[in-house]
Amino acid sequence: MQVSKYTANGNDFVIFHTFIKKDFSNLAKKLCHRQEGIGADGLIVIVPHETLDFEWCFYNADGSSAEMCGNGTRACAHYAFNNDLAPAQMRYLTLAGEIACIVDGFRVQSDLTPPQILDEKIIENGKSWWLINTGVPHLVTFDADTSNFDLKEAQELRYKYNCNVNIASIEDGYIKVRTYERGVEDETLACGTGMAACFYRAYQEKQIGEQSMVKPTSNDELFLGIKNGIITFTGDVREVFRTTIL
């Protein structure tokens, strides 16, 4: 079986395509293992779809299934285009709904599913948190110091609210974001839906306009915008290597 290793601004993925849709959770745990496998934050499996260009199955590194992954949508689109599975402008199905992507060289734009504010009145540890679903649920605060991410606090909130946890700040005209991801159970170098959730809260609170640059822990530059209630998410992706799994 041939697979590709992709990175999207620090988020890394193992990707392959097949004609058979089944449970790949155990395979995800093996391939994503940092010491005994390829090592990745998630596994993306592309399978055929009757009306859209394709459907994806997404698994976190622990084998759990996830409805959505923002950086994963861009890596997936690039893989699909490069392997002649879809045109440069494509639509495909995730558990969170349909995703539209445009591939332009190494740069990929994803139109994410419409964001939903689930709760904007959460107070934890003296901080104001919003719970926002941008495909998967995210807690977002702008009250924390992004130079010092309290991972113990993030882990506690992750299990209390069953969501990802983000701290953010606005610095020199861009949004700085750090994310603790469920399923990985640690801080990751980037999280697309987490960046989208932070962007959306800042936009709703009128801290930013309809477009903004966002930098995750990897310090890569990504560009988010909102139009007609849809968040657009643009940045570069890279295929690191291809290999054959025996």
C-alpha atoms as a PDB file:
ATOM      1  CA  MET A   1       0.000   0.000   0.000  1.00  0.00           C
ATOM      2  CA  GLN A   2       1.429   3.373  -1.036  1.00  0.00           C
ATOM      3  CA  VAL A   3       0.874   6.327   1.274  1.00  0.00           C
ATOM      4  CA  SER A   4       1.956   9.968   1.314  1.00  0.00           C
ATOM      5  CA  LYS A   5       3.180  12.017   4.254  1.00  0.00           C
ATOM      6  CA  TYR A   6       1.948  15.626   4.146  1.00  0.00           C
ATOM      7  CA  THR A   7       2.535  18.671   6.277  1.00  0.00           C
ATOM      8  CA  ALA A   8       0.246  21.681   6.410  1.00  0.00           C
ATOM      9  CA  ASN A   9       1.834  24.425   8.493  1.00  0.00           C
ATOM     10  CA  GLY A  10       3.012  22.037  11.173  1.00  0.00           C
ATOM     11  CA  ASN A  11       0.039  19.675  11.158  1.00  0.00           C
ATOM     12  CA  ASP A  12       1.184  16.420   9.556  1.00  0.00           C
ATOM     13  CA  PHE A  13      -0.895  13.673   7.988  1.00  0.00           C
ATOM     14  CA  VAL A  14      -0.613  10.264   6.359  1.00  0.00           C
ATOM     15  CA  ILE A  15      -2.870  10.104   3.288  1.00  0.00           C
ATOM     16  CA  PHE A  16      -3.895   7.347   0.887  1.00  0.00           C
ATOM     17  CA  HIS A  17      -6.863   6.503  -1.329  1.00  0.00           C
ATOM     18  CA  THR A  18      -8.804   3.287  -1.727  1.00  0.00           C
ATOM     19  CA  PHE A  19     -12.042   2.010  -3.236  1.00  0.00           C
ATOM     20  CA  ILE A  20     -13.070   0.355   0.030  1.00  0.00           C
ATOM     21  CA  LYS A  21     -14.685   2.323   2.848  1.00  0.00           C
ATOM     22  CA  LYS A  22     -14.206   0.622   6.213  1.00  0.00           C
ATOM     23  CA  ASP A  23     -12.910   1.265   9.723  1.00  0.00           C
ATOM     24  CA  PHE A  24      -9.264   2.342   9.553  1.00  0.00           C
ATOM     25  CA  SER A  25      -8.935   3.324  13.228  1.00  0.00           C
ATOM     26  CA  ASN A  26      -6.388   0.614  14.108  1.00  0.00           C
ATOM     27  CA  LEU A  27      -4.353   1.442  11.013  1.00  0.00           C
ATOM     28  CA  ALA A  28      -4.417   5.109  12.027  1.00  0.00           C
ATOM     29  CA  LYS A  29      -2.905   4.297  15.427  1.00  0.00           C
ATOM     30  CA  LYS A  30      -0.131   2.267  13.789  1.00  0.00           C
ATOM     31  CA  LEU A  31       0.751   4.697  11.005  1.00  0.00           C
ATOM     32  CA  CYS A  32       0.543   7.832  13.174  1.00  0.00           C
ATOM     33  CA  HIS A  33       2.736   6.449  15.955  1.00  0.00           C
ATOM     34  CA  ARG A  34       5.806   8.696  16.192  1.00  0.00           C
ATOM     35  CA  GLN A  35       8.240   5.938  17.162  1.00  0.00           C
ATOM     36  CA  GLU A  36       6.848   2.758  15.577  1.00  0.00           C
ATOM     37  CA  GLY A  37       5.039   4.140  12.526  1.00  0.00           C
ATOM     38  CA  ILE A  38       5.414   7.008  10.084  1.00  0.00           C
ATOM     39  CA  GLY A  39       4.351   9.566  12.655  1.00  0.00           C
ATOM     40  CA  ALA A  40       1.511  12.032  12.113  1.00  0.00           C
ATOM     41  CA  ASP A  41      -1.267  13.989  13.786  1.00  0.00           C
ATOM     42  CA  GLY A  42      -3.870  12.169  11.710  1.00  0.00           C
ATOM     43  CA  LEU A  43      -4.731   9.712   8.949  1.00  0.00           C
ATOM     44  CA  ILE A  44      -6.798  10.735   5.919  1.00  0.00           C
ATOM     45  CA  VAL A  45      -8.344   8.044   3.724  1.00  0.00           C
ATOM     46  CA  ILE A  46      -9.970   9.109   0.438  1.00  0.00           C
ATOM     47  CA  VAL A  47     -12.832   6.956  -0.861  1.00  0.00           C
ATOM     48  CA  PRO A  48     -15.239   7.397  -3.807  1.00  0.00           C
ATOM     49  CA  HIS A  49     -18.499   9.343  -3.510  1.00  0.00           C
ATOM     50  CA  GLU A  50     -21.528   9.098  -5.821  1.00  0.00           C
ATOM     51  CA  THR A  51     -22.090  12.819  -6.433  1.00  0.00           C
ATOM     52  CA  LEU A  52     -19.089  14.733  -5.035  1.00  0.00           C
ATOM     53  CA  ASP A  53     -15.466  14.399  -6.122  1.00  0.00           C
ATOM     54  CA  PHE A  54     -14.782  12.050  -3.212  1.00  0.00           C
ATOM     55  CA  GLU A  55     -15.337  11.453   0.510  1.00  0.00           C
ATOM     56  CA  TRP A  56     -12.739  11.437   3.238  1.00  0.00           C
ATOM     57  CA  CYS A  57     -12.395   9.397   6.415  1.00  0.00           C
ATOM     58  CA  PHE A  58     -10.364  11.260   9.017  1.00  0.00           C
ATOM     59  CA  TYR A  59      -8.747   9.708  12.090  1.00  0.00           C
ATOM     60  CA  ASN A  60      -6.769  11.307  14.892  1.00  0.00           C
ATOM     61  CA  ALA A  61      -3.473   9.790  15.959  1.00  0.00           C
ATOM     62  CA  ASP A  62      -5.220   7.847  18.735  1.00  0.00           C
ATOM     63  CA  GLY A  63      -7.538   6.185  16.213  1.00  0.00           C
ATOM     64  CA  SER A  64     -10.592   8.263  17.070  1.00  0.00           C
ATOM     65  CA  SER A  65     -12.668   9.610  14.197  1.00  0.00           C
ATOM     66  CA  ALA A  66     -12.976  13.385  13.739  1.00  0.00           C
ATOM     67  CA  GLU A  67     -15.686  15.305  11.929  1.00  0.00           C
ATOM     68  CA  MET A  68     -13.286  17.882  10.550  1.00  0.00           C
ATOM     69  CA  CYS A  69      -9.688  19.113  10.346  1.00  0.00           C
ATOM     70  CA  GLY A  70      -8.962  22.456   8.697  1.00  0.00           C
ATOM     71  CA  ASN A  71      -5.325  21.845   7.775  1.00  0.00           C
ATOM     72  CA  GLY A  72      -6.251  18.315   6.783  1.00  0.00           C
ATOM     73  CA  THR A  73      -8.767  19.607   4.227  1.00  0.00           C
ATOM     74  CA  ARG A  74      -6.009  21.488   2.441  1.00  0.00           C
ATOM     75  CA  ALA A  75      -3.529  18.589   2.495  1.00  0.00           C
ATOM     76  CA  CYS A  76      -6.264  16.236   1.325  1.00  0.00           C
ATOM     77  CA  ALA A  77      -7.220  18.506  -1.583  1.00  0.00           C
ATOM     78  CA  HIS A  78      -3.612  18.780  -2.724  1.00  0.00           C
ATOM     79  CA  TYR A  79      -3.179  15.003  -2.599  1.00  0.00           C
ATOM     80  CA  ALA A  80      -6.431  14.431  -4.505  1.00  0.00           C
ATOM     81  CA  PHE A  81      -5.476  16.876  -7.244  1.00  0.00           C
ATOM     82  CA  ASN A  82      -1.926  15.518  -7.587  1.00  0.00           C
ATOM     83  CA  ASN A  83      -3.239  11.956  -7.846  1.00  0.00           C
ATOM     84  CA  ASP A  84      -5.898  12.825 -10.456  1.00  0.00           C
ATOM     85  CA  LEU A  85      -8.740  12.102  -8.060  1.00  0.00           C
ATOM     86  CA  ALA A  86     -10.296  15.575  -8.388  1.00  0.00           C
ATOM     87  CA  PRO A  87      -9.948  18.815 -10.386  1.00  0.00           C
ATOM     88  CA  ALA A  88      -8.239  21.906  -8.959  1.00  0.00           C
ATOM     89  CA  GLN A  89     -11.624  23.193  -7.796  1.00  0.00           C
ATOM     90  CA  MET A  90     -13.279  20.385  -5.891  1.00  0.00           C
ATOM     91  CA  ARG A  91     -15.984  19.529  -3.410  1.00  0.00           C
ATOM     92  CA  TYR A  92     -15.855  16.566  -1.080  1.00  0.00           C
ATOM     93  CA  LEU A  93     -17.644  15.142   1.930  1.00  0.00           C
ATOM     94  CA  THR A  94     -16.512  15.154   5.567  1.00  0.00           C
ATOM     95  CA  LEU A  95     -18.489  14.184   8.639  1.00  0.00           C
ATOM     96  CA  ALA A  96     -19.004  17.918   9.246  1.00  0.00           C
ATOM     97  CA  GLY A  97     -20.457  18.442   5.756  1.00  0.00           C
ATOM     98  CA  GLU A  98     -19.279  19.382   2.270  1.00  0.00           C
ATOM     99  CA  ILE A  99     -15.954  21.156   1.829  1.00  0.00           C
ATOM    100  CA  ALA A 100     -14.945  23.253  -1.192  1.00  0.00           C
ATOM    101  CA  CYS A 101     -11.241  23.614  -2.001  1.00  0.00           C
ATOM    102  CA  ILE A 102      -9.123  25.311  -4.661  1.00  0.00           C
ATOM    103  CA  VAL A 103      -5.594  24.078  -5.369  1.00  0.00           C
ATOM    104  CA  ASP A 104      -3.117  26.557  -6.850  1.00  0.00           C
ATOM    105  CA  GLY A 105       0.362  25.067  -6.816  1.00  0.00           C
ATOM    106  CA  PHE A 106       1.336  24.522  -3.200  1.00  0.00           C
ATOM    107  CA  ARG A 107      -1.286  26.992  -1.965  1.00  0.00           C
ATOM    108  CA  VAL A 108      -4.719  25.617  -1.106  1.00  0.00           C
ATOM    109  CA  GLN A 109      -7.880  27.442  -0.058  1.00  0.00           C
ATOM    110  CA  SER A 110     -10.593  25.638   1.874  1.00  0.00           C
ATOM    111  CA  ASP A 111     -14.102  26.934   2.497  1.00  0.00           C
ATOM    112  CA  LEU A 112     -14.914  25.555   5.911  1.00  0.00           C
ATOM    113  CA  THR A 113     -18.345  24.565   7.212  1.00  0.00           C
ATOM    114  CA  PRO A 114     -20.403  27.472   8.692  1.00  0.00           C
ATOM    115  CA  PRO A 115     -19.196  28.319  12.228  1.00  0.00           C
ATOM    116  CA  GLN A 116     -21.541  27.988  15.194  1.00  0.00           C
ATOM    117  CA  ILE A 117     -21.194  29.744  18.554  1.00  0.00           C
ATOM    118  CA  LEU A 118     -22.257  27.134  21.114  1.00  0.00           C
ATOM    119  CA  ASP A 119     -21.570  29.162  24.277  1.00  0.00           C
ATOM    120  CA  GLU A 120     -20.009  32.609  24.761  1.00  0.00           C
ATOM    121  CA  LYS A 121     -20.394  32.899  28.530  1.00  0.00           C
ATOM    122  CA  ILE A 122     -17.954  30.316  29.870  1.00  0.00           C
ATOM    123  CA  ILE A 123     -15.682  31.465  32.702  1.00  0.00           C
ATOM    124  CA  GLU A 124     -12.859  29.145  33.703  1.00  0.00           C
ATOM    125  CA  ASN A 125      -9.854  30.080  35.840  1.00  0.00           C
ATOM    126  CA  GLY A 126     -10.721  33.757  35.586  1.00  0.00           C
ATOM    127  CA  LYS A 127     -10.714  33.699  31.783  1.00  0.00           C
ATOM    128  CA  SER A 128     -13.547  34.275  29.320  1.00  0.00           C
ATOM    129  CA  TRP A 129     -13.970  31.346  26.933  1.00  0.00           C
ATOM    130  CA  TRP A 130     -16.181  30.925  23.880  1.00  0.00           C
ATOM    131  CA  LEU A 131     -17.146  27.455  22.682  1.00  0.00           C
ATOM    132  CA  ILE A 132     -17.273  27.557  18.887  1.00  0.00           C
ATOM    133  CA  ASN A 133     -17.837  24.757  16.372  1.00  0.00           C
ATOM    134  CA  THR A 134     -15.853  25.267  13.161  1.00  0.00           C
ATOM    135  CA  GLY A 135     -16.295  21.658  12.091  1.00  0.00           C
ATOM    136  CA  VAL A 136     -15.228  20.399  15.508  1.00  0.00           C
ATOM    137  CA  PRO A 137     -15.736  22.186  18.868  1.00  0.00           C
ATOM    138  CA  HIS A 138     -13.102  24.608  20.159  1.00  0.00           C
ATOM    139  CA  LEU A 139     -12.735  26.597  23.352  1.00  0.00           C
ATOM    140  CA  VAL A 140     -11.200  30.016  22.633  1.00  0.00           C
ATOM    141  CA  THR A 141      -9.837  32.652  24.998  1.00  0.00           C
ATOM    142  CA  PHE A 142      -7.986  35.907  24.380  1.00  0.00           C
ATOM    143  CA  ASP A 143      -7.250  36.287  28.113  1.00  0.00           C
ATOM    144  CA  ALA A 144      -4.190  34.015  28.282  1.00  0.00           C
ATOM    145  CA  ASP A 145      -0.493  34.657  27.690  1.00  0.00           C
ATOM    146  CA  THR A 146       0.354  32.972  24.365  1.00  0.00           C
ATOM    147  CA  SER A 147       4.027  32.859  25.334  1.00  0.00           C
ATOM    148  CA  ASN A 148       3.163  30.482  28.186  1.00  0.00           C
ATOM    149  CA  PHE A 149       0.572  27.835  27.277  1.00  0.00           C
ATOM    150  CA  ASP A 150      -0.703  26.060  30.399  1.00  0.00           C
ATOM    151  CA  LEU A 151      -1.098  22.543  29.000  1.00  0.00           C
ATOM    152  CA  LYS A 152      -2.420  21.155  32.295  1.00  0.00           C
ATOM    153  CA  GLU A 153      -5.274  23.677  32.216  1.00  0.00           C
ATOM    154  CA  ALA A 154      -5.865  22.920  28.538  1.00  0.00           C
ATOM    155  CA  GLN A 155      -6.045  19.184  29.223  1.00  0.00           C
ATOM    156  CA  GLU A 156      -8.548  19.670  32.028  1.00  0.00           C
ATOM    157  CA  LEU A 157     -10.773  21.861  29.847  1.00  0.00           C
ATOM    158  CA  ARG A 158     -10.439  19.467  26.918  1.00  0.00           C
ATOM    159  CA  TYR A 159     -11.983  16.656  28.975  1.00  0.00           C
ATOM    160  CA  LYS A 160     -14.513  18.841  30.776  1.00  0.00           C
ATOM    161  CA  TYR A 161     -15.965  20.197  27.520  1.00  0.00           C
ATOM    162  CA  ASN A 162     -14.858  17.391  25.145  1.00  0.00           C
ATOM    163  CA  CYS A 163     -13.258  19.853  22.745  1.00  0.00           C
ATOM    164  CA  ASN A 164     -10.002  21.366  21.545  1.00  0.00           C
ATOM    165  CA  VAL A 165      -8.569  24.262  23.549  1.00  0.00           C
ATOM    166  CA  ASN A 166      -7.078  27.455  22.085  1.00  0.00           C
ATOM    167  CA  ILE A 167      -5.410  30.521  23.517  1.00  0.00           C
ATOM    168  CA  ALA A 168      -4.997  33.529  21.231  1.00  0.00           C
ATOM    169  CA  SER A 169      -3.768  37.101  21.110  1.00  0.00           C
ATOM    170  CA  ILE A 170      -3.653  39.867  18.529  1.00  0.00           C
ATOM    171  CA  GLU A 171      -0.095  40.974  17.839  1.00  0.00           C
ATOM    172  CA  ASP A 172       1.074  43.507  15.226  1.00  0.00           C
ATOM    173  CA  GLY A 173      -2.069  43.102  13.172  1.00  0.00           C
ATOM    174  CA  TYR A 174      -2.222  39.296  13.116  1.00  0.00           C
ATOM    175  CA  ILE A 175      -3.727  36.627  15.391  1.00  0.00           C
ATOM    176  CA  LYS A 176      -1.356  34.371  17.321  1.00  0.00           C
ATOM    177  CA  VAL A 177      -2.904  30.982  18.158  1.00  0.00           C
ATOM    178  CA  ARG A 178      -1.817  27.988  20.208  1.00  0.00           C
ATOM    179  CA  THR A 179      -3.950  24.832  20.281  1.00  0.00           C
ATOM    180  CA  TYR A 180      -4.270  21.727  22.436  1.00  0.00           C
ATOM    181  CA  GLU A 181      -5.890  19.067  20.236  1.00  0.00           C
ATOM    182  CA  ARG A 182      -8.058  16.226  21.449  1.00  0.00           C
ATOM    183  CA  GLY A 183      -7.110  12.957  19.805  1.00  0.00           C
ATOM    184  CA  VAL A 184      -3.483  14.050  19.795  1.00  0.00           C
ATOM    185  CA  GLU A 185      -3.713  15.001  23.506  1.00  0.00           C
ATOM    186  CA  ASP A 186      -1.016  17.629  23.291  1.00  0.00           C
ATOM    187  CA  GLU A 187      -0.273  20.976  21.723  1.00  0.00           C
ATOM    188  CA  THR A 188       0.150  20.738  17.959  1.00  0.00           C
ATOM    189  CA  LEU A 189       2.148  23.065  15.731  1.00  0.00           C
ATOM    190  CA  ALA A 190      -1.046  24.158  13.999  1.00  0.00           C
ATOM    191  CA  CYS A 191      -4.788  23.482  13.946  1.00  0.00           C
ATOM    192  CA  GLY A 192      -6.869  24.861  11.100  1.00  0.00           C
ATOM    193  CA  THR A 193     -10.276  24.708  12.749  1.00  0.00           C
ATOM    194  CA  GLY A 194      -8.716  26.133  15.924  1.00  0.00           C
ATOM    195  CA  MET A 195      -7.341  29.097  14.006  1.00  0.00           C
ATOM    196  CA  ALA A 196     -10.752  29.511  12.376  1.00  0.00           C
ATOM    197  CA  ALA A 197     -12.478  29.527  15.771  1.00  0.00           C
ATOM    198  CA  CYS A 198     -10.081  32.173  17.115  1.00  0.00           C
ATOM    199  CA  PHE A 199     -10.515  34.243  13.960  1.00  0.00           C
ATOM    200  CA  TYR A 200     -14.295  34.001  14.254  1.00  0.00           C
ATOM    201  CA  ARG A 201     -14.380  35.142  17.879  1.00  0.00           C
ATOM    202  CA  ALA A 202     -12.072  38.080  17.106  1.00  0.00           C
ATOM    203  CA  TYR A 203     -14.275  38.977  14.136  1.00  0.00           C
ATOM    204  CA  GLN A 204     -17.481  38.764  16.196  1.00  0.00           C
ATOM    205  CA  GLU A 205     -15.943  40.998  18.867  1.00  0.00           C
ATOM    206  CA  LYS A 206     -14.807  43.456  16.145  1.00  0.00           C
ATOM    207  CA  GLN A 207     -11.141  43.073  17.025  1.00  0.00           C
ATOM    208  CA  ILE A 208     -10.383  42.396  13.343  1.00  0.00           C
ATOM    209  CA  GLY A 209     -12.035  42.901   9.955  1.00  0.00           C
ATOM    210  CA  GLU A 210     -13.213  40.350   7.408  1.00  0.00           C
ATOM    211  CA  GLN A 211      -9.670  39.167   6.658  1.00  0.00           C
ATOM    212  CA  SER A 212      -6.672  38.488   8.866  1.00  0.00           C
ATOM    213  CA  MET A 213      -3.339  36.739   8.904  1.00  0.00           C
ATOM    214  CA  VAL A 214      -3.066  34.031  11.564  1.00  0.00           C
ATOM    215  CA  LYS A 215       0.112  32.447  12.904  1.00  0.00           C
ATOM    216  CA  PRO A 216       0.027  29.127  14.800  1.00  0.00           C
ATOM    217  CA  THR A 217       2.867  27.701  16.902  1.00  0.00           C
ATOM    218  CA  SER A 218       4.750  26.733  13.705  1.00  0.00           C
ATOM    219  CA  ASN A 219       4.888  30.495  12.960  1.00  0.00           C
ATOM    220  CA  ASP A 220       3.677  29.909   9.396  1.00  0.00           C
ATOM    221  CA  GLU A 221       1.493  32.576   7.844  1.00  0.00           C
ATOM    222  CA  LEU A 222      -2.086  31.573   7.062  1.00  0.00           C
ATOM    223  CA  PHE A 223      -4.870  33.763   5.800  1.00  0.00           C
ATOM    224  CA  LEU A 224      -8.449  33.596   6.998  1.00  0.00           C
ATOM    225  CA  GLY A 225     -11.476  35.515   5.831  1.00  0.00           C
ATOM    226  CA  ILE A 226     -15.237  35.430   6.071  1.00  0.00           C
ATOM    227  CA  LYS A 227     -17.796  35.968   3.335  1.00  0.00           C
ATOM    228  CA  ASN A 228     -21.518  35.221   3.476  1.00  0.00           C
ATOM    229  CA  GLY A 229     -21.011  33.418   6.774  1.00  0.00           C
ATOM    230  CA  ILE A 230     -18.341  31.030   5.410  1.00  0.00           C
ATOM    231  CA  ILE A 231     -14.760  31.086   6.693  1.00  0.00           C
ATOM    232  CA  THR A 232     -12.093  30.752   4.005  1.00  0.00           C
ATOM    233  CA  PHE A 233      -8.766  29.286   5.049  1.00  0.00           C
ATOM    234  CA  THR A 234      -5.676  29.641   2.819  1.00  0.00           C
ATOM    235  CA  GLY A 235      -2.074  28.482   3.159  1.00  0.00           C
ATOM    236  CA  ASP A 236       0.662  26.300   1.734  1.00  0.00           C
ATOM    237  CA  VAL A 237       0.943  22.529   2.027  1.00  0.00           C
ATOM    238  CA  ARG A 238       3.809  20.197   1.236  1.00  0.00           C
ATOM    239  CA  GLU A 239       4.121  16.521   0.391  1.00  0.00           C
ATOM    240  CA  VAL A 240       7.070  15.350   2.468  1.00  0.00           C
ATOM    241  CA  PHE A 241       7.484  11.891   0.954  1.00  0.00           C
ATOM    242  CA  ARG A 242       5.742   8.817  -0.455  1.00  0.00           C
ATOM    243  CA  THR A 243       6.428   5.315   0.717  1.00  0.00           C
ATOM    244  CA  THR A 244       5.106   1.787   0.546  1.00  0.00           C
ATOM    245  CA  ILE A 245       3.744   0.130   3.675  1.00  0.00           C
ATOM    246  CA  LEU A 246       4.362  -3.618   3.791  1.00  0.00           C
END
